[in-house]
């Protein structure tokens, strides 16, 4: 949705924002600083990357981790999702 945004922070959180209410509507807590974020096109998932070299998928409805993707050898600094959702 165009009214939703996600941010990542050095405080080990990613925050979900809704411009309609002009504020935070959720917080995802991780063990490491978050350096990259992406919102899935369907609005049901957020992807984060951080200094632990892992990409994490989060289920926005439950606010829980749904998958971790390890294999990078350095900090994740950018995330981008295919518009087709593949």
N, C-alpha and C. Protein backbone atom coordinates (compact mmCIF):
# COMPACT_ATOMS: atom_id res chain seq x y z
N UNK A 1 0.84 -1.19 0.00
CA UNK A 1 0.00 0.00 0.00
C UNK A 1 0.88 1.25 0.00
N UNK A 2 0.45 2.26 -0.68
CA UNK A 2 1.22 3.50 -0.77
C UNK A 2 1.27 4.24 0.56
N UNK A 3 0.43 3.90 1.51
CA UNK A 3 0.42 4.59 2.78
C UNK A 3 1.32 3.93 3.82
N UNK A 4 1.96 2.82 3.47
CA UNK A 4 2.80 2.11 4.43
C UNK A 4 4.28 2.25 4.08
N UNK A 5 5.11 2.34 5.11
CA UNK A 5 6.55 2.44 4.93
C UNK A 5 7.23 1.65 6.04
N UNK A 6 8.49 1.31 5.81
CA UNK A 6 9.28 0.60 6.82
C UNK A 6 10.64 1.29 6.92
N UNK A 7 11.17 1.34 8.14
CA UNK A 7 12.50 1.91 8.36
C UNK A 7 13.33 0.93 9.18
N UNK A 8 14.64 1.01 9.02
CA UNK A 8 15.56 0.18 9.79
C UNK A 8 16.48 1.07 10.58
N UNK A 9 17.01 0.54 11.70
CA UNK A 9 17.77 1.40 12.60
C UNK A 9 18.93 0.68 13.27
N UNK A 10 19.85 1.49 13.78
CA UNK A 10 20.96 0.98 14.58
C UNK A 10 20.50 0.45 15.94
N UNK A 11 19.26 0.73 16.33
CA UNK A 11 18.77 0.21 17.61
C UNK A 11 18.21 -1.20 17.48
N UNK A 12 18.51 -1.87 16.36
CA UNK A 12 18.12 -3.27 16.10
C UNK A 12 16.63 -3.43 15.86
N UNK A 13 15.96 -2.39 15.41
CA UNK A 13 14.54 -2.49 15.11
C UNK A 13 14.25 -2.03 13.68
N UNK A 14 13.15 -2.54 13.17
CA UNK A 14 12.53 -2.02 11.96
C UNK A 14 11.14 -1.57 12.37
N UNK A 15 10.78 -0.39 11.97
CA UNK A 15 9.48 0.14 12.37
C UNK A 15 8.58 0.30 11.15
N UNK A 16 7.33 -0.06 11.36
CA UNK A 16 6.31 0.07 10.32
C UNK A 16 5.56 1.37 10.55
N UNK A 17 5.35 2.11 9.48
CA UNK A 17 4.72 3.43 9.57
C UNK A 17 3.52 3.48 8.63
N UNK A 18 2.49 4.18 9.07
CA UNK A 18 1.29 4.37 8.27
C UNK A 18 1.04 5.88 8.16
N UNK A 19 1.12 6.38 6.94
CA UNK A 19 0.95 7.83 6.75
C UNK A 19 -0.48 8.28 7.03
N UNK A 20 -1.43 7.36 6.97
CA UNK A 20 -2.83 7.74 7.24
C UNK A 20 -3.01 8.13 8.70
N UNK A 21 -2.30 7.47 9.60
CA UNK A 21 -2.39 7.80 11.02
C UNK A 21 -1.20 8.63 11.48
N UNK A 22 -0.27 8.86 10.54
CA UNK A 22 0.92 9.68 10.79
C UNK A 22 1.73 9.16 11.97
N UNK A 23 1.92 7.84 11.98
CA UNK A 23 2.72 7.31 13.07
C UNK A 23 3.07 5.85 12.89
N UNK A 24 3.78 5.36 13.88
CA UNK A 24 4.23 3.98 13.91
C UNK A 24 3.07 3.03 14.19
N UNK A 25 3.04 1.93 13.47
CA UNK A 25 1.98 0.94 13.67
C UNK A 25 2.55 -0.44 14.01
N UNK A 26 3.87 -0.54 14.11
CA UNK A 26 4.47 -1.82 14.48
C UNK A 26 5.98 -1.70 14.60
N UNK A 27 6.56 -2.65 15.35
CA UNK A 27 7.99 -2.66 15.55
C UNK A 27 8.48 -4.10 15.49
N UNK A 28 9.50 -4.35 14.67
CA UNK A 28 10.11 -5.66 14.54
C UNK A 28 11.48 -5.60 15.20
N UNK A 29 11.71 -6.44 16.21
CA UNK A 29 12.95 -6.40 16.95
C UNK A 29 13.88 -7.53 16.52
N UNK A 30 15.14 -7.16 16.24
CA UNK A 30 16.14 -8.13 15.83
C UNK A 30 17.31 -8.07 16.81
N UNK A 31 18.28 -8.95 16.65
CA UNK A 31 19.44 -8.99 17.53
C UNK A 31 20.57 -8.07 17.06
N UNK A 32 20.51 -7.63 15.80
CA UNK A 32 21.58 -6.83 15.22
C UNK A 32 21.01 -5.59 14.53
N UNK A 33 21.89 -4.62 14.29
CA UNK A 33 21.48 -3.39 13.63
C UNK A 33 20.96 -3.70 12.23
N UNK A 34 19.91 -2.96 11.84
CA UNK A 34 19.28 -3.13 10.53
C UNK A 34 19.85 -2.07 9.59
N UNK A 35 20.33 -2.51 8.43
CA UNK A 35 20.96 -1.59 7.48
C UNK A 35 20.23 -1.50 6.14
N UNK A 36 19.23 -2.37 5.93
CA UNK A 36 18.47 -2.34 4.68
C UNK A 36 17.08 -2.90 4.93
N UNK A 37 16.08 -2.34 4.26
CA UNK A 37 14.69 -2.81 4.42
C UNK A 37 13.97 -2.78 3.07
N UNK A 38 12.96 -3.63 2.96
CA UNK A 38 12.09 -3.63 1.77
C UNK A 38 10.73 -4.15 2.19
N UNK A 39 9.69 -3.53 1.65
CA UNK A 39 8.30 -3.94 1.90
C UNK A 39 7.84 -4.77 0.71
N UNK A 40 7.26 -5.94 0.96
CA UNK A 40 6.73 -6.77 -0.13
C UNK A 40 5.53 -6.06 -0.77
N UNK A 41 5.36 -6.29 -2.07
CA UNK A 41 4.28 -5.64 -2.80
C UNK A 41 2.90 -5.97 -2.25
N UNK A 42 2.71 -7.17 -1.71
CA UNK A 42 1.40 -7.54 -1.18
C UNK A 42 1.15 -6.95 0.20
N UNK A 43 2.16 -6.34 0.80
CA UNK A 43 2.00 -5.71 2.10
C UNK A 43 2.02 -6.67 3.27
N UNK A 44 2.24 -7.95 3.02
CA UNK A 44 2.20 -8.95 4.09
C UNK A 44 3.56 -9.31 4.63
N UNK A 45 4.62 -8.82 4.03
CA UNK A 45 5.96 -9.18 4.47
C UNK A 45 6.90 -7.98 4.38
N UNK A 46 7.85 -7.97 5.30
CA UNK A 46 8.94 -7.01 5.30
C UNK A 46 10.23 -7.81 5.29
N UNK A 47 11.21 -7.35 4.53
CA UNK A 47 12.52 -7.99 4.49
C UNK A 47 13.54 -7.02 5.06
N UNK A 48 14.39 -7.53 5.95
CA UNK A 48 15.42 -6.71 6.54
C UNK A 48 16.79 -7.36 6.34
N UNK A 49 17.80 -6.54 6.29
CA UNK A 49 19.18 -7.00 6.23
C UNK A 49 19.99 -6.20 7.21
N UNK A 50 21.05 -6.81 7.71
CA UNK A 50 21.82 -6.10 8.71
C UNK A 50 23.27 -6.50 8.79
N UNK A 51 23.89 -6.10 9.90
CA UNK A 51 25.30 -6.34 10.07
C UNK A 51 25.61 -7.80 10.38
N UNK A 52 24.59 -8.63 10.57
CA UNK A 52 24.82 -10.06 10.77
C UNK A 52 24.89 -10.81 9.44
N UNK A 53 24.84 -10.07 8.32
CA UNK A 53 24.96 -10.63 6.96
C UNK A 53 23.79 -11.52 6.59
N UNK A 54 22.65 -11.35 7.22
CA UNK A 54 21.48 -12.18 7.00
C UNK A 54 20.30 -11.34 6.53
N UNK A 55 19.54 -11.87 5.57
CA UNK A 55 18.27 -11.26 5.17
C UNK A 55 17.18 -12.00 5.93
N UNK A 56 16.31 -11.26 6.57
CA UNK A 56 15.22 -11.85 7.35
C UNK A 56 13.89 -11.44 6.76
N UNK A 57 13.00 -12.41 6.60
CA UNK A 57 11.63 -12.13 6.17
C UNK A 57 10.76 -12.09 7.41
N UNK A 58 9.90 -11.10 7.48
CA UNK A 58 8.99 -10.92 8.61
C UNK A 58 7.55 -10.96 8.12
N UNK A 59 6.69 -11.65 8.84
CA UNK A 59 5.26 -11.66 8.56
C UNK A 59 4.64 -10.46 9.28
N UNK A 60 4.15 -9.51 8.53
CA UNK A 60 3.62 -8.28 9.11
C UNK A 60 2.36 -8.54 9.95
N UNK A 61 1.59 -9.54 9.58
CA UNK A 61 0.36 -9.83 10.32
C UNK A 61 0.64 -10.36 11.72
N UNK A 62 1.70 -11.16 11.87
CA UNK A 62 2.02 -11.74 13.18
C UNK A 62 3.17 -11.01 13.87
N UNK A 63 3.89 -10.17 13.09
CA UNK A 63 5.06 -9.43 13.59
C UNK A 63 6.17 -10.38 14.03
N UNK A 64 6.29 -11.51 13.34
CA UNK A 64 7.32 -12.50 13.67
C UNK A 64 8.16 -12.83 12.45
N UNK A 65 9.37 -13.32 12.73
CA UNK A 65 10.26 -13.77 11.66
C UNK A 65 9.64 -14.99 10.99
N UNK A 66 9.65 -14.99 9.66
CA UNK A 66 9.14 -16.15 8.93
C UNK A 66 10.24 -16.92 8.21
N UNK A 67 11.40 -16.27 7.99
CA UNK A 67 12.48 -16.95 7.29
C UNK A 67 13.77 -16.14 7.41
N UNK A 68 14.90 -16.84 7.52
CA UNK A 68 16.21 -16.21 7.50
C UNK A 68 16.99 -16.74 6.32
N UNK A 69 17.70 -15.86 5.63
CA UNK A 69 18.49 -16.24 4.47
C UNK A 69 19.94 -15.87 4.72
N UNK A 70 20.76 -16.88 5.00
CA UNK A 70 22.18 -16.67 5.29
C UNK A 70 23.00 -17.01 4.06
N UNK A 71 24.20 -16.47 4.00
CA UNK A 71 25.09 -16.78 2.90
C UNK A 71 25.93 -15.59 2.45
N UNK A 72 25.52 -14.39 2.81
CA UNK A 72 26.32 -13.22 2.46
C UNK A 72 27.56 -13.17 3.34
N UNK A 73 28.61 -12.59 2.82
CA UNK A 73 29.86 -12.51 3.57
C UNK A 73 30.13 -11.12 4.12
N UNK A 74 29.18 -10.22 3.94
CA UNK A 74 29.35 -8.87 4.45
C UNK A 74 27.97 -8.28 4.75
N UNK A 75 27.98 -7.11 5.35
CA UNK A 75 26.75 -6.43 5.74
C UNK A 75 25.83 -6.21 4.54
N UNK A 76 24.54 -6.46 4.73
CA UNK A 76 23.53 -6.18 3.71
C UNK A 76 23.29 -4.67 3.72
N UNK A 77 23.49 -4.02 2.58
CA UNK A 77 23.34 -2.56 2.53
C UNK A 77 22.18 -2.10 1.66
N UNK A 78 21.57 -3.03 0.92
CA UNK A 78 20.46 -2.66 0.05
C UNK A 78 19.60 -3.89 -0.22
N UNK A 79 18.30 -3.69 -0.28
CA UNK A 79 17.37 -4.76 -0.63
C UNK A 79 16.40 -4.22 -1.67
N UNK A 80 16.06 -5.07 -2.64
CA UNK A 80 15.08 -4.72 -3.64
C UNK A 80 14.33 -6.00 -4.03
N UNK A 81 13.02 -5.89 -4.16
CA UNK A 81 12.20 -7.05 -4.50
C UNK A 81 11.70 -6.91 -5.93
N UNK A 82 11.56 -8.04 -6.59
CA UNK A 82 10.99 -8.07 -7.94
C UNK A 82 9.54 -7.62 -7.88
N UNK A 83 9.11 -6.70 -8.73
CA UNK A 83 7.71 -6.24 -8.72
C UNK A 83 6.68 -7.36 -8.93
N UNK A 84 7.10 -8.46 -9.55
CA UNK A 84 6.18 -9.58 -9.78
C UNK A 84 6.07 -10.47 -8.55
N UNK A 85 6.89 -10.20 -7.52
CA UNK A 85 6.82 -11.00 -6.31
C UNK A 85 7.53 -12.33 -6.41
N UNK A 86 8.40 -12.47 -7.40
CA UNK A 86 9.12 -13.73 -7.57
C UNK A 86 10.55 -13.62 -7.07
